[in-house]
Amino acid sequence: MSLAKTWYTVEEAESKFGVPKTLVLKWVEEGLVRCEPGGGKVVSVNGDDLELKMEEYVKKG
């Protein structure tokens, strides 16, 4: 079990991973990044999914 934080608000994810909020939300919409919805919006996103997506994104770019 990891002791590191694995769920981030979209704003925290944007800051930590250096990815625009719009791209994070696009990945959520496409089902590539898990999220916790609440009140009709994305409350938090999974950091492990974002790390994997970032690795893929960097390799392509």
PDB file of N, CA and C in Angstrom:
ATOM      1  N   MET A   1       0.832  -1.176   0.000  1.00  0.00           N
ATOM      2  CA  MET A   1       0.000   0.000   0.000  1.00  0.00           C
ATOM      3  C   MET A   1       0.882   1.247   0.000  1.00  0.00           C
ATOM      4  N   SER A   2       0.545   2.163  -0.882  1.00  0.00           N
ATOM      5  CA  SER A   2       1.304   3.398  -0.998  1.00  0.00           C
ATOM      6  C   SER A   2       0.858   4.402   0.058  1.00  0.00           C
ATOM      7  N   LEU A   3       1.812   5.086   0.644  1.00  0.00           N
ATOM      8  CA  LEU A   3       1.488   6.118   1.614  1.00  0.00           C
ATOM      9  C   LEU A   3       1.395   7.494   0.953  1.00  0.00           C
ATOM     10  N   ALA A   4       1.774   7.565  -0.315  1.00  0.00           N
ATOM     11  CA  ALA A   4       1.715   8.826  -1.037  1.00  0.00           C
ATOM     12  C   ALA A   4       0.274   9.159  -1.404  1.00  0.00           C
ATOM     13  N   LYS A   5       0.025  10.428  -1.550  1.00  0.00           N
ATOM     14  CA  LYS A   5      -1.311  10.889  -1.944  1.00  0.00           C
ATOM     15  C   LYS A   5      -1.569  10.436  -3.380  1.00  0.00           C
ATOM     16  N   THR A   6      -2.739   9.868  -3.617  1.00  0.00           N
ATOM     17  CA  THR A   6      -3.026   9.388  -4.970  1.00  0.00           C
ATOM     18  C   THR A   6      -4.215  10.085  -5.621  1.00  0.00           C
ATOM     19  N   TRP A   7      -4.949  10.874  -4.882  1.00  0.00           N
ATOM     20  CA  TRP A   7      -6.077  11.607  -5.448  1.00  0.00           C
ATOM     21  C   TRP A   7      -5.840  13.095  -5.265  1.00  0.00           C
ATOM     22  N   TYR A   8      -6.072  13.858  -6.325  1.00  0.00           N
ATOM     23  CA  TYR A   8      -5.816  15.296  -6.324  1.00  0.00           C
ATOM     24  C   TYR A   8      -7.020  16.038  -6.885  1.00  0.00           C
ATOM     25  N   THR A   9      -7.239  17.253  -6.408  1.00  0.00           N
ATOM     26  CA  THR A   9      -8.214  18.100  -7.081  1.00  0.00           C
ATOM     27  C   THR A   9      -7.648  18.395  -8.461  1.00  0.00           C
ATOM     28  N   VAL A  10      -8.488  18.830  -9.363  1.00  0.00           N
ATOM     29  CA  VAL A  10      -8.006  19.141 -10.718  1.00  0.00           C
ATOM     30  C   VAL A  10      -6.955  20.243 -10.658  1.00  0.00           C
ATOM     31  N   GLU A  11      -7.152  21.201  -9.789  1.00  0.00           N
ATOM     32  CA  GLU A  11      -6.187  22.303  -9.645  1.00  0.00           C
ATOM     33  C   GLU A  11      -4.848  21.807  -9.104  1.00  0.00           C
ATOM     34  N   GLU A  12      -4.892  20.903  -8.121  1.00  0.00           N
ATOM     35  CA  GLU A  12      -3.651  20.319  -7.586  1.00  0.00           C
ATOM     36  C   GLU A  12      -2.935  19.518  -8.664  1.00  0.00           C
ATOM     37  N   ALA A  13      -3.693  18.754  -9.445  1.00  0.00           N
ATOM     38  CA  ALA A  13      -3.105  17.945 -10.518  1.00  0.00           C
ATOM     39  C   ALA A  13      -2.456  18.841 -11.571  1.00  0.00           C
ATOM     40  N   GLU A  14      -3.126  19.925 -11.898  1.00  0.00           N
ATOM     41  CA  GLU A  14      -2.591  20.879 -12.879  1.00  0.00           C
ATOM     42  C   GLU A  14      -1.244  21.417 -12.407  1.00  0.00           C
ATOM     43  N   SER A  15      -1.171  21.769 -11.132  1.00  0.00           N
ATOM     44  CA  SER A  15       0.054  22.316 -10.561  1.00  0.00           C
ATOM     45  C   SER A  15       1.148  21.257 -10.431  1.00  0.00           C
ATOM     46  N   LYS A  16       0.796  20.092  -9.894  1.00  0.00           N
ATOM     47  CA  LYS A  16       1.784  19.047  -9.638  1.00  0.00           C
ATOM     48  C   LYS A  16       2.355  18.448 -10.921  1.00  0.00           C
ATOM     49  N   PHE A  17       1.490  18.186 -11.899  1.00  0.00           N
ATOM     50  CA  PHE A  17       1.918  17.502 -13.113  1.00  0.00           C
ATOM     51  C   PHE A  17       2.212  18.451 -14.267  1.00  0.00           C
ATOM     52  N   GLY A  18       1.889  19.730 -14.117  1.00  0.00           N
ATOM     53  CA  GLY A  18       2.159  20.706 -15.166  1.00  0.00           C
ATOM     54  C   GLY A  18       1.307  20.493 -16.409  1.00  0.00           C
ATOM     55  N   VAL A  19       0.110  19.969 -16.212  1.00  0.00           N
ATOM     56  CA  VAL A  19      -0.801  19.690 -17.314  1.00  0.00           C
ATOM     57  C   VAL A  19      -1.986  20.648 -17.207  1.00  0.00           C
ATOM     58  N   PRO A  20      -2.373  21.269 -18.312  1.00  0.00           N
ATOM     59  CA  PRO A  20      -3.519  22.176 -18.247  1.00  0.00           C
ATOM     60  C   PRO A  20      -4.781  21.466 -17.757  1.00  0.00           C
ATOM     61  N   LYS A  21      -5.572  22.181 -17.000  1.00  0.00           N
ATOM     62  CA  LYS A  21      -6.819  21.658 -16.438  1.00  0.00           C
ATOM     63  C   LYS A  21      -7.705  21.072 -17.544  1.00  0.00           C
ATOM     64  N   THR A  22      -7.748  21.747 -18.680  1.00  0.00           N
ATOM     65  CA  THR A  22      -8.594  21.284 -19.788  1.00  0.00           C
ATOM     66  C   THR A  22      -8.154  19.909 -20.285  1.00  0.00           C
ATOM     67  N   LEU A  23      -6.846  19.653 -20.308  1.00  0.00           N
ATOM     68  CA  LEU A  23      -6.342  18.358 -20.760  1.00  0.00           C
ATOM     69  C   LEU A  23      -6.649  17.272 -19.735  1.00  0.00           C
ATOM     70  N   VAL A  24      -6.505  17.590 -18.463  1.00  0.00           N
ATOM     71  CA  VAL A  24      -6.844  16.631 -17.405  1.00  0.00           C
ATOM     72  C   VAL A  24      -8.311  16.233 -17.533  1.00  0.00           C
ATOM     73  N   LEU A  25      -9.186  17.224 -17.694  1.00  0.00           N
ATOM     74  CA  LEU A  25     -10.621  16.952 -17.809  1.00  0.00           C
ATOM     75  C   LEU A  25     -10.956  16.195 -19.086  1.00  0.00           C
ATOM     76  N   LYS A  26     -10.201  16.446 -20.161  1.00  0.00           N
ATOM     77  CA  LYS A  26     -10.398  15.701 -21.411  1.00  0.00           C
ATOM     78  C   LYS A  26     -10.063  14.231 -21.191  1.00  0.00           C
ATOM     79  N   TRP A  27      -8.962  13.955 -20.489  1.00  0.00           N
ATOM     80  CA  TRP A  27      -8.576  12.567 -20.211  1.00  0.00           C
ATOM     81  C   TRP A  27      -9.618  11.882 -19.330  1.00  0.00           C
ATOM     82  N   VAL A  28     -10.198  12.629 -18.407  1.00  0.00           N
ATOM     83  CA  VAL A  28     -11.265  12.082 -17.565  1.00  0.00           C
ATOM     84  C   VAL A  28     -12.462  11.727 -18.441  1.00  0.00           C
ATOM     85  N   GLU A  29     -12.845  12.649 -19.306  1.00  0.00           N
ATOM     86  CA  GLU A  29     -13.990  12.457 -20.196  1.00  0.00           C
ATOM     87  C   GLU A  29     -13.789  11.245 -21.108  1.00  0.00           C
ATOM     88  N   GLU A  30     -12.557  11.035 -21.550  1.00  0.00           N
ATOM     89  CA  GLU A  30     -12.234   9.911 -22.429  1.00  0.00           C
ATOM     90  C   GLU A  30     -12.090   8.599 -21.661  1.00  0.00           C
ATOM     91  N   GLY A  31     -12.169   8.659 -20.332  1.00  0.00           N
ATOM     92  CA  GLY A  31     -12.058   7.462 -19.515  1.00  0.00           C
ATOM     93  C   GLY A  31     -10.628   7.006 -19.280  1.00  0.00           C
ATOM     94  N   LEU A  32      -9.669   7.886 -19.533  1.00  0.00           N
ATOM     95  CA  LEU A  32      -8.257   7.532 -19.380  1.00  0.00           C
ATOM     96  C   LEU A  32      -7.736   7.795 -17.967  1.00  0.00           C
ATOM     97  N   VAL A  33      -8.420   8.668 -17.247  1.00  0.00           N
ATOM     98  CA  VAL A  33      -8.060   9.007 -15.869  1.00  0.00           C
ATOM     99  C   VAL A  33      -9.317   8.877 -15.019  1.00  0.00           C
ATOM    100  N   ARG A  34      -9.213   8.103 -13.942  1.00  0.00           N
ATOM    101  CA  ARG A  34     -10.353   7.939 -13.035  1.00  0.00           C
ATOM    102  C   ARG A  34     -10.578   9.215 -12.242  1.00  0.00           C
ATOM    103  N   CYS A  35     -11.835   9.430 -11.896  1.00  0.00           N
ATOM    104  CA  CYS A  35     -12.168  10.615 -11.113  1.00  0.00           C
ATOM    105  C   CYS A  35     -13.219  10.278 -10.065  1.00  0.00           C
ATOM    106  N   GLU A  36     -13.351  11.187  -9.121  1.00  0.00           N
ATOM    107  CA  GLU A  36     -14.418  11.129  -8.125  1.00  0.00           C
ATOM    108  C   GLU A  36     -15.325  12.320  -8.413  1.00  0.00           C
ATOM    109  N   PRO A  37     -16.515  12.055  -8.954  1.00  0.00           N
ATOM    110  CA  PRO A  37     -17.435  13.152  -9.248  1.00  0.00           C
ATOM    111  C   PRO A  37     -18.198  13.597  -8.008  1.00  0.00           C
ATOM    112  N   GLY A  38     -18.685  14.797  -8.066  1.00  0.00           N
ATOM    113  CA  GLY A  38     -19.509  15.310  -6.974  1.00  0.00           C
ATOM    114  C   GLY A  38     -20.175  16.603  -7.386  1.00  0.00           C
ATOM    115  N   GLY A  39     -21.463  16.686  -7.204  1.00  0.00           N
ATOM    116  CA  GLY A  39     -22.175  17.906  -7.548  1.00  0.00           C
ATOM    117  C   GLY A  39     -22.136  18.252  -9.019  1.00  0.00           C
ATOM    118  N   GLY A  40     -22.064  17.229  -9.876  1.00  0.00           N
ATOM    119  CA  GLY A  40     -22.064  17.467 -11.315  1.00  0.00           C
ATOM    120  C   GLY A  40     -20.730  17.895 -11.896  1.00  0.00           C
ATOM    121  N   LYS A  41     -19.665  17.783 -11.099  1.00  0.00           N
ATOM    122  CA  LYS A  41     -18.340  18.135 -11.612  1.00  0.00           C
ATOM    123  C   LYS A  41     -17.303  17.155 -11.072  1.00  0.00           C
ATOM    124  N   VAL A  42     -16.104  17.231 -11.605  1.00  0.00           N
ATOM    125  CA  VAL A  42     -15.009  16.374 -11.158  1.00  0.00           C
ATOM    126  C   VAL A  42     -14.424  16.962  -9.885  1.00  0.00           C
ATOM    127  N   VAL A  43     -14.463  16.182  -8.796  1.00  0.00           N
ATOM    128  CA  VAL A  43     -13.952  16.644  -7.510  1.00  0.00           C
ATOM    129  C   VAL A  43     -12.463  16.334  -7.393  1.00  0.00           C
ATOM    130  N   SER A  44     -12.078  15.113  -7.786  1.00  0.00           N
ATOM    131  CA  SER A  44     -10.668  14.733  -7.719  1.00  0.00           C
ATOM    132  C   SER A  44     -10.347  13.736  -8.817  1.00  0.00           C
ATOM    133  N   VAL A  45      -9.057  13.662  -9.145  1.00  0.00           N
ATOM    134  CA  VAL A  45      -8.576  12.754 -10.181  1.00  0.00           C
ATOM    135  C   VAL A  45      -7.486  11.857  -9.595  1.00  0.00           C
ATOM    136  N   ASN A  46      -7.317  10.702 -10.192  1.00  0.00           N
ATOM    137  CA  ASN A  46      -6.361   9.725  -9.694  1.00  0.00           C
ATOM    138  C   ASN A  46      -4.946  10.061 -10.173  1.00  0.00           C
ATOM    139  N   GLY A  47      -4.038  10.256  -9.228  1.00  0.00           N
ATOM    140  CA  GLY A  47      -2.658  10.615  -9.542  1.00  0.00           C
ATOM    141  C   GLY A  47      -1.892   9.511 -10.252  1.00  0.00           C
ATOM    142  N   ASP A  48      -2.174   8.257  -9.923  1.00  0.00           N
ATOM    143  CA  ASP A  48      -1.486   7.148 -10.597  1.00  0.00           C
ATOM    144  C   ASP A  48      -1.846   7.118 -12.074  1.00  0.00           C
ATOM    145  N   ASP A  49      -3.132   7.318 -12.376  1.00  0.00           N
ATOM    146  CA  ASP A  49      -3.564   7.372 -13.772  1.00  0.00           C
ATOM    147  C   ASP A  49      -2.900   8.537 -14.504  1.00  0.00           C
ATOM    148  N   LEU A  50      -2.813   9.672 -13.815  1.00  0.00           N
ATOM    149  CA  LEU A  50      -2.177  10.844 -14.430  1.00  0.00           C
ATOM    150  C   LEU A  50      -0.699  10.611 -14.703  1.00  0.00           C
ATOM    151  N   GLU A  51      -0.016   9.955 -13.778  1.00  0.00           N
ATOM    152  CA  GLU A  51       1.408   9.660 -13.991  1.00  0.00           C
ATOM    153  C   GLU A  51       1.599   8.794 -15.226  1.00  0.00           C
ATOM    154  N   LEU A  52       0.770   7.763 -15.367  1.00  0.00           N
ATOM    155  CA  LEU A  52       0.862   6.890 -16.539  1.00  0.00           C
ATOM    156  C   LEU A  52       0.558   7.654 -17.817  1.00  0.00           C
ATOM    157  N   LYS A  53      -0.463   8.477 -17.787  1.00  0.00           N
ATOM    158  CA  LYS A  53      -0.833   9.256 -18.969  1.00  0.00           C
ATOM    159  C   LYS A  53       0.262  10.256 -19.307  1.00  0.00           C
ATOM    160  N   MET A  54       0.872  10.853 -18.308  1.00  0.00           N
ATOM    161  CA  MET A  54       1.958  11.807 -18.544  1.00  0.00           C
ATOM    162  C   MET A  54       3.163  11.132 -19.199  1.00  0.00           C
ATOM    163  N   GLU A  55       3.505   9.920 -18.751  1.00  0.00           N
ATOM    164  CA  GLU A  55       4.606   9.174 -19.365  1.00  0.00           C
ATOM    165  C   GLU A  55       4.334   8.967 -20.853  1.00  0.00           C
ATOM    166  N   GLU A  56       3.117   8.566 -21.158  1.00  0.00           N
ATOM    167  CA  GLU A  56       2.713   8.341 -22.552  1.00  0.00           C
ATOM    168  C   GLU A  56       2.737   9.661 -23.328  1.00  0.00           C
ATOM    169  N   TYR A  57       2.238  10.718 -22.716  1.00  0.00           N
ATOM    170  CA  TYR A  57       2.144  12.037 -23.350  1.00  0.00           C
ATOM    171  C   TYR A  57       3.541  12.583 -23.683  1.00  0.00           C
ATOM    172  N   VAL A  58       4.483  12.412 -22.756  1.00  0.00           N
ATOM    173  CA  VAL A  58       5.839  12.903 -22.950  1.00  0.00           C
ATOM    174  C   VAL A  58       6.554  12.120 -24.048  1.00  0.00           C
ATOM    175  N   LYS A  59       6.347  10.801 -24.087  1.00  0.00           N
ATOM    176  CA  LYS A  59       6.981   9.972 -25.112  1.00  0.00           C
ATOM    177  C   LYS A  59       6.513  10.343 -26.500  1.00  0.00           C
ATOM    178  N   LYS A  60       5.230  10.700 -26.644  1.00  0.00           N
ATOM    179  CA  LYS A  60       4.686  11.090 -27.948  1.00  0.00           C
ATOM    180  C   LYS A  60       5.180  12.463 -28.373  1.00  0.00           C
ATOM    181  N   GLY A  61       5.312  13.353 -27.397  1.00  0.00           N
ATOM    182  CA  GLY A  61       5.656  14.755 -27.678  1.00  0.00           C
ATOM    183  C   GLY A  61       7.084  14.902 -27.941  1.00  0.00           C
TER     184      GLY A  61
END
